[in-house]
N, C-alpha and C. Protein backbone atom coordinates (compact mmCIF):
# COMPACT_ATOMS: atom_id res chain seq x y z
N MET A 1 1.32 -31.13 15.43
CA MET A 1 1.30 -29.77 15.93
C MET A 1 -0.13 -29.25 15.88
N ASN A 2 -0.45 -28.39 16.82
CA ASN A 2 -1.75 -27.74 16.87
C ASN A 2 -1.62 -26.33 16.32
N PHE A 3 -2.45 -26.00 15.34
CA PHE A 3 -2.42 -24.67 14.74
C PHE A 3 -3.67 -23.91 15.13
N ASP A 4 -3.47 -22.64 15.45
CA ASP A 4 -4.59 -21.76 15.77
C ASP A 4 -4.33 -20.43 15.07
N GLN A 5 -5.38 -19.68 14.85
CA GLN A 5 -5.26 -18.39 14.19
C GLN A 5 -5.77 -17.29 15.11
N ALA A 6 -5.00 -16.22 15.19
CA ALA A 6 -5.46 -15.04 15.92
C ALA A 6 -6.62 -14.45 15.12
N PRO A 7 -7.56 -13.78 15.79
CA PRO A 7 -8.70 -13.18 15.07
C PRO A 7 -8.28 -12.26 13.93
N GLU A 8 -7.22 -11.49 14.15
CA GLU A 8 -6.72 -10.58 13.10
C GLU A 8 -6.21 -11.37 11.90
N PHE A 9 -5.54 -12.50 12.17
CA PHE A 9 -5.03 -13.34 11.09
C PHE A 9 -6.18 -13.90 10.26
N ALA A 10 -7.22 -14.39 10.93
CA ALA A 10 -8.38 -14.95 10.22
C ALA A 10 -9.02 -13.89 9.33
N LYS A 11 -9.10 -12.67 9.81
CA LYS A 11 -9.68 -11.58 9.03
C LYS A 11 -8.81 -11.27 7.80
N GLU A 12 -7.50 -11.23 7.99
CA GLU A 12 -6.58 -10.98 6.88
C GLU A 12 -6.64 -12.10 5.85
N LEU A 13 -6.74 -13.33 6.34
CA LEU A 13 -6.84 -14.48 5.44
C LEU A 13 -8.10 -14.39 4.59
N LYS A 14 -9.20 -14.05 5.21
CA LYS A 14 -10.47 -13.93 4.48
C LYS A 14 -10.37 -12.84 3.42
N LYS A 15 -9.81 -11.71 3.78
CA LYS A 15 -9.68 -10.58 2.83
C LYS A 15 -8.77 -10.95 1.66
N LEU A 16 -7.60 -11.52 1.96
CA LEU A 16 -6.65 -11.84 0.90
C LEU A 16 -7.11 -13.05 0.06
N SER A 17 -7.92 -13.91 0.64
CA SER A 17 -8.43 -15.07 -0.10
C SER A 17 -9.38 -14.66 -1.21
N LYS A 18 -9.98 -13.52 -1.08
CA LYS A 18 -10.84 -13.02 -2.15
C LYS A 18 -10.01 -12.63 -3.37
N LYS A 19 -8.80 -12.18 -3.11
CA LYS A 19 -7.89 -11.76 -4.18
C LYS A 19 -7.14 -12.97 -4.76
N TRP A 20 -6.69 -13.84 -3.87
CA TRP A 20 -5.93 -15.03 -4.27
C TRP A 20 -6.67 -16.26 -3.76
N ARG A 21 -7.42 -16.89 -4.60
CA ARG A 21 -8.35 -17.98 -4.23
C ARG A 21 -7.67 -19.21 -3.63
N ARG A 22 -6.46 -19.48 -4.01
CA ARG A 22 -5.77 -20.69 -3.52
C ARG A 22 -5.04 -20.48 -2.20
N LEU A 23 -5.18 -19.34 -1.62
CA LEU A 23 -4.47 -19.00 -0.38
C LEU A 23 -4.73 -19.98 0.76
N PRO A 24 -5.98 -20.42 1.01
CA PRO A 24 -6.18 -21.41 2.08
C PRO A 24 -5.42 -22.71 1.84
N GLU A 25 -5.34 -23.16 0.59
CA GLU A 25 -4.56 -24.36 0.26
C GLU A 25 -3.07 -24.12 0.50
N ASP A 26 -2.60 -22.94 0.11
CA ASP A 26 -1.19 -22.58 0.32
C ASP A 26 -0.85 -22.55 1.80
N LEU A 27 -1.80 -22.12 2.60
CA LEU A 27 -1.59 -22.07 4.05
C LEU A 27 -1.46 -23.48 4.63
N LEU A 28 -2.21 -24.43 4.11
CA LEU A 28 -2.09 -25.82 4.56
C LEU A 28 -0.70 -26.38 4.24
N VAL A 29 -0.17 -26.02 3.09
CA VAL A 29 1.19 -26.45 2.72
C VAL A 29 2.20 -25.85 3.69
N LEU A 30 2.00 -24.58 4.03
CA LEU A 30 2.90 -23.93 4.99
C LEU A 30 2.82 -24.60 6.35
N GLN A 31 1.62 -24.96 6.79
CA GLN A 31 1.47 -25.63 8.08
C GLN A 31 2.21 -26.97 8.09
N ALA A 32 2.18 -27.68 6.99
CA ALA A 32 2.93 -28.94 6.91
C ALA A 32 4.44 -28.67 7.00
N ALA A 33 4.89 -27.60 6.36
CA ALA A 33 6.31 -27.23 6.43
C ALA A 33 6.71 -26.83 7.84
N ILE A 34 5.85 -26.09 8.53
CA ILE A 34 6.13 -25.69 9.91
C ILE A 34 6.22 -26.92 10.81
N THR A 35 5.32 -27.87 10.60
CA THR A 35 5.36 -29.12 11.38
C THR A 35 6.70 -29.83 11.16
N THR A 36 7.16 -29.87 9.94
CA THR A 36 8.44 -30.50 9.63
C THR A 36 9.60 -29.78 10.32
N LEU A 37 9.51 -28.45 10.40
CA LEU A 37 10.58 -27.68 11.06
C LEU A 37 10.76 -28.07 12.52
N TYR A 38 9.65 -28.37 13.21
CA TYR A 38 9.73 -28.63 14.64
C TYR A 38 9.68 -30.11 15.00
N MET A 39 9.17 -30.94 14.11
CA MET A 39 9.05 -32.37 14.39
C MET A 39 10.03 -33.23 13.60
N GLY A 40 10.62 -32.65 12.55
CA GLY A 40 11.49 -33.42 11.68
C GLY A 40 10.66 -34.17 10.65
N ALA A 41 11.35 -34.82 9.73
CA ALA A 41 10.65 -35.58 8.68
C ALA A 41 11.50 -36.77 8.28
N ASN A 42 10.82 -37.89 8.10
CA ASN A 42 11.49 -39.13 7.70
C ASN A 42 12.70 -39.37 8.58
N SER A 43 13.87 -39.44 8.00
CA SER A 43 15.06 -39.71 8.81
C SER A 43 15.79 -38.43 9.21
N LEU A 44 15.28 -37.28 8.77
CA LEU A 44 15.93 -36.01 9.11
C LEU A 44 15.50 -35.53 10.48
N ARG A 45 16.45 -35.10 11.26
CA ARG A 45 16.15 -34.52 12.56
C ARG A 45 15.61 -33.11 12.39
N ALA A 46 14.81 -32.67 13.33
CA ALA A 46 14.24 -31.33 13.28
C ALA A 46 15.35 -30.27 13.29
N ALA A 47 16.41 -30.48 14.04
CA ALA A 47 17.50 -29.50 14.12
C ALA A 47 18.14 -29.29 12.75
N HIS A 48 18.35 -30.38 12.02
CA HIS A 48 18.95 -30.28 10.68
C HIS A 48 17.99 -29.56 9.73
N THR A 49 16.71 -29.91 9.81
CA THR A 49 15.70 -29.29 8.95
C THR A 49 15.62 -27.80 9.22
N ARG A 50 15.62 -27.41 10.50
CA ARG A 50 15.56 -25.99 10.88
C ARG A 50 16.79 -25.24 10.39
N GLU A 51 17.95 -25.83 10.57
CA GLU A 51 19.19 -25.19 10.14
C GLU A 51 19.17 -24.93 8.64
N THR A 52 18.74 -25.92 7.88
CA THR A 52 18.68 -25.77 6.43
C THR A 52 17.66 -24.72 6.03
N PHE A 53 16.48 -24.75 6.65
CA PHE A 53 15.42 -23.80 6.31
C PHE A 53 15.82 -22.37 6.61
N PHE A 54 16.33 -22.12 7.80
CA PHE A 54 16.65 -20.76 8.20
C PHE A 54 17.94 -20.23 7.57
N SER A 55 18.73 -21.10 6.95
CA SER A 55 19.91 -20.61 6.23
C SER A 55 19.52 -20.03 4.87
N THR A 56 18.31 -20.35 4.39
CA THR A 56 17.79 -19.74 3.17
C THR A 56 17.08 -18.46 3.55
N LYS A 57 16.51 -17.79 2.59
CA LYS A 57 15.77 -16.56 2.90
C LYS A 57 14.27 -16.82 2.99
N LYS A 58 13.88 -18.06 3.28
CA LYS A 58 12.47 -18.42 3.39
C LYS A 58 11.89 -18.02 4.74
N GLY A 59 12.72 -17.86 5.74
CA GLY A 59 12.20 -17.54 7.06
C GLY A 59 13.28 -16.99 7.96
N ALA A 60 12.81 -16.36 9.05
CA ALA A 60 13.74 -15.81 10.03
C ALA A 60 13.09 -15.83 11.40
N VAL A 61 13.89 -16.16 12.39
CA VAL A 61 13.41 -16.10 13.77
C VAL A 61 13.52 -14.65 14.19
N LEU A 62 12.39 -14.04 14.55
CA LEU A 62 12.39 -12.64 14.97
C LEU A 62 12.75 -12.49 16.43
N THR A 63 12.19 -13.37 17.27
CA THR A 63 12.42 -13.29 18.72
C THR A 63 12.38 -14.68 19.32
N VAL A 64 13.31 -14.96 20.21
CA VAL A 64 13.28 -16.20 20.97
C VAL A 64 12.66 -15.87 22.31
N LEU A 65 11.58 -16.58 22.65
CA LEU A 65 10.83 -16.27 23.87
C LEU A 65 11.23 -17.12 25.06
N GLY A 66 11.90 -18.18 24.83
CA GLY A 66 12.30 -19.09 25.90
C GLY A 66 12.91 -20.33 25.28
N ASN A 67 13.03 -21.39 26.08
CA ASN A 67 13.65 -22.61 25.58
C ASN A 67 12.93 -23.22 24.38
N SER A 68 11.61 -23.18 24.39
CA SER A 68 10.87 -23.83 23.31
C SER A 68 9.84 -22.91 22.67
N SER A 69 10.10 -21.61 22.68
CA SER A 69 9.17 -20.65 22.10
C SER A 69 9.91 -19.62 21.27
N GLU A 70 9.29 -19.24 20.14
CA GLU A 70 9.90 -18.23 19.29
C GLU A 70 8.85 -17.59 18.38
N VAL A 71 9.17 -16.38 17.91
CA VAL A 71 8.36 -15.69 16.93
C VAL A 71 9.10 -15.79 15.60
N VAL A 72 8.39 -16.24 14.57
CA VAL A 72 9.03 -16.51 13.28
C VAL A 72 8.28 -15.81 12.16
N LYS A 73 9.03 -15.31 11.20
CA LYS A 73 8.48 -14.69 9.99
C LYS A 73 8.88 -15.59 8.82
N VAL A 74 7.90 -16.01 8.02
CA VAL A 74 8.20 -16.88 6.87
C VAL A 74 7.52 -16.35 5.62
N ARG A 75 8.10 -16.71 4.48
CA ARG A 75 7.48 -16.43 3.20
C ARG A 75 6.42 -17.47 2.95
N LEU A 76 5.31 -17.03 2.40
CA LEU A 76 4.24 -17.95 2.02
C LEU A 76 4.22 -18.00 0.50
N ASP A 77 4.60 -19.14 -0.05
CA ASP A 77 4.55 -19.32 -1.49
C ASP A 77 3.11 -19.58 -1.87
N SER A 78 2.64 -18.85 -2.87
CA SER A 78 1.26 -18.99 -3.31
C SER A 78 1.22 -19.45 -4.75
N GLN A 79 0.29 -20.33 -5.05
CA GLN A 79 0.10 -20.81 -6.41
C GLN A 79 -0.42 -19.69 -7.31
N ASP A 80 -1.06 -18.69 -6.73
CA ASP A 80 -1.63 -17.59 -7.50
C ASP A 80 -0.62 -16.48 -7.79
N LEU A 81 0.52 -16.50 -7.14
CA LEU A 81 1.53 -15.45 -7.32
C LEU A 81 2.82 -16.07 -7.85
N ASP A 82 3.54 -15.30 -8.66
CA ASP A 82 4.79 -15.83 -9.17
C ASP A 82 6.01 -15.40 -8.36
N SER A 83 5.82 -14.59 -7.34
CA SER A 83 6.97 -14.22 -6.51
C SER A 83 6.60 -14.28 -5.04
N ASP A 84 7.56 -13.95 -4.22
CA ASP A 84 7.41 -14.09 -2.76
C ASP A 84 6.81 -12.84 -2.13
N LYS A 85 5.54 -12.62 -2.36
CA LYS A 85 4.93 -11.39 -1.88
C LYS A 85 4.19 -11.52 -0.55
N LEU A 86 3.96 -12.73 -0.08
CA LEU A 86 3.18 -12.91 1.15
C LEU A 86 4.08 -13.32 2.31
N ARG A 87 3.75 -12.82 3.50
CA ARG A 87 4.48 -13.17 4.71
C ARG A 87 3.51 -13.62 5.79
N VAL A 88 3.97 -14.55 6.61
CA VAL A 88 3.20 -15.04 7.75
C VAL A 88 4.09 -14.90 8.98
N ILE A 89 3.51 -14.37 10.04
CA ILE A 89 4.19 -14.28 11.33
C ILE A 89 3.48 -15.24 12.26
N TYR A 90 4.26 -16.08 12.95
CA TYR A 90 3.64 -17.01 13.89
C TYR A 90 4.48 -17.13 15.15
N ILE A 91 3.81 -17.58 16.20
CA ILE A 91 4.48 -17.85 17.47
C ILE A 91 4.40 -19.35 17.70
N GLN A 92 5.55 -19.96 17.94
CA GLN A 92 5.62 -21.39 18.20
C GLN A 92 5.93 -21.59 19.68
N ARG A 93 5.09 -22.38 20.34
CA ARG A 93 5.30 -22.74 21.75
C ARG A 93 5.07 -24.23 21.88
N SER A 94 6.08 -24.97 22.23
CA SER A 94 6.00 -26.43 22.36
C SER A 94 5.40 -27.03 21.11
N ASP A 95 4.21 -27.63 21.22
CA ASP A 95 3.56 -28.24 20.06
C ASP A 95 2.44 -27.37 19.51
N ASP A 96 2.41 -26.11 19.88
CA ASP A 96 1.35 -25.20 19.44
C ASP A 96 1.94 -24.09 18.57
N VAL A 97 1.20 -23.74 17.53
CA VAL A 97 1.59 -22.64 16.65
C VAL A 97 0.40 -21.70 16.54
N LEU A 98 0.63 -20.43 16.83
CA LEU A 98 -0.39 -19.41 16.70
C LEU A 98 -0.02 -18.51 15.53
N LEU A 99 -0.83 -18.54 14.49
CA LEU A 99 -0.62 -17.68 13.33
C LEU A 99 -1.18 -16.31 13.68
N ILE A 100 -0.31 -15.28 13.69
CA ILE A 100 -0.77 -13.98 14.17
C ILE A 100 -0.87 -12.92 13.10
N GLU A 101 -0.16 -13.07 11.99
CA GLU A 101 -0.24 -12.02 10.97
C GLU A 101 0.02 -12.59 9.59
N LEU A 102 -0.75 -12.11 8.62
CA LEU A 102 -0.61 -12.46 7.21
C LEU A 102 -0.68 -11.16 6.43
N PHE A 103 0.34 -10.89 5.61
CA PHE A 103 0.29 -9.66 4.84
C PHE A 103 1.01 -9.80 3.52
N ALA A 104 0.61 -8.97 2.58
CA ALA A 104 1.26 -8.89 1.28
C ALA A 104 2.29 -7.78 1.34
N LYS A 105 3.47 -8.06 0.84
CA LYS A 105 4.56 -7.09 0.90
C LYS A 105 4.25 -5.80 0.15
N ASN A 106 3.43 -5.86 -0.88
CA ASN A 106 3.12 -4.65 -1.63
C ASN A 106 2.09 -3.78 -0.90
N GLU A 107 1.41 -4.32 0.11
CA GLU A 107 0.43 -3.55 0.87
C GLU A 107 0.98 -3.07 2.22
N LYS A 108 1.94 -3.82 2.74
CA LYS A 108 2.50 -3.50 4.05
C LYS A 108 3.94 -4.00 4.07
N PRO A 109 4.90 -3.12 4.27
CA PRO A 109 6.31 -3.54 4.15
C PRO A 109 6.86 -4.37 5.32
N ARG A 110 6.31 -4.20 6.53
CA ARG A 110 6.86 -4.89 7.70
C ARG A 110 5.76 -5.44 8.58
N GLU A 111 6.17 -6.36 9.44
CA GLU A 111 5.24 -6.94 10.41
C GLU A 111 4.89 -5.93 11.50
N SER A 112 3.79 -6.17 12.17
CA SER A 112 3.31 -5.28 13.23
C SER A 112 3.95 -5.68 14.56
N GLN A 113 4.81 -4.82 15.07
CA GLN A 113 5.46 -5.08 16.36
C GLN A 113 4.44 -5.06 17.49
N GLU A 114 3.41 -4.24 17.36
CA GLU A 114 2.37 -4.17 18.38
C GLU A 114 1.64 -5.52 18.50
N ARG A 115 1.35 -6.12 17.36
CA ARG A 115 0.64 -7.40 17.38
C ARG A 115 1.54 -8.50 17.94
N ILE A 116 2.79 -8.49 17.59
CA ILE A 116 3.74 -9.47 18.13
C ILE A 116 3.80 -9.34 19.65
N THR A 117 3.91 -8.12 20.13
CA THR A 117 3.95 -7.87 21.58
C THR A 117 2.66 -8.33 22.24
N LYS A 118 1.53 -8.03 21.61
CA LYS A 118 0.23 -8.41 22.15
C LYS A 118 0.13 -9.92 22.38
N TYR A 119 0.59 -10.72 21.42
CA TYR A 119 0.44 -12.17 21.53
C TYR A 119 1.61 -12.85 22.24
N THR A 120 2.74 -12.22 22.36
CA THR A 120 3.83 -12.84 23.12
C THR A 120 3.67 -12.63 24.61
N ASN A 121 2.88 -11.64 24.99
CA ASN A 121 2.67 -11.37 26.42
C ASN A 121 1.52 -12.16 27.02
N ARG A 122 0.97 -13.08 26.26
CA ARG A 122 -0.14 -13.90 26.77
C ARG A 122 0.37 -15.10 27.49
């Protein structure tokens, strides 16, 4: 999978990385998990992996954009935090993932609908 970051996401990552130093490493772990969701792993099919993942409270599909596109909100587990305080919003299209928002739940309670609209209309 190809991962890209929206300019706003990169700025948020830089800001939050000053507070939580391991955040870039945690993001790499999340990217591996996202790849598994859409490509599958070992003998598990992607459909089974997705079903299992989304049945937990680790993530939710916010919007389906078409046959192979969706906006997803996931929890980002961080080595520096003991609870689920970080969220990542991304858009998945075919083999591409655009990370559009990163926020801490104690600083911002919900995702930005304006930003989701901005990047889904591209």
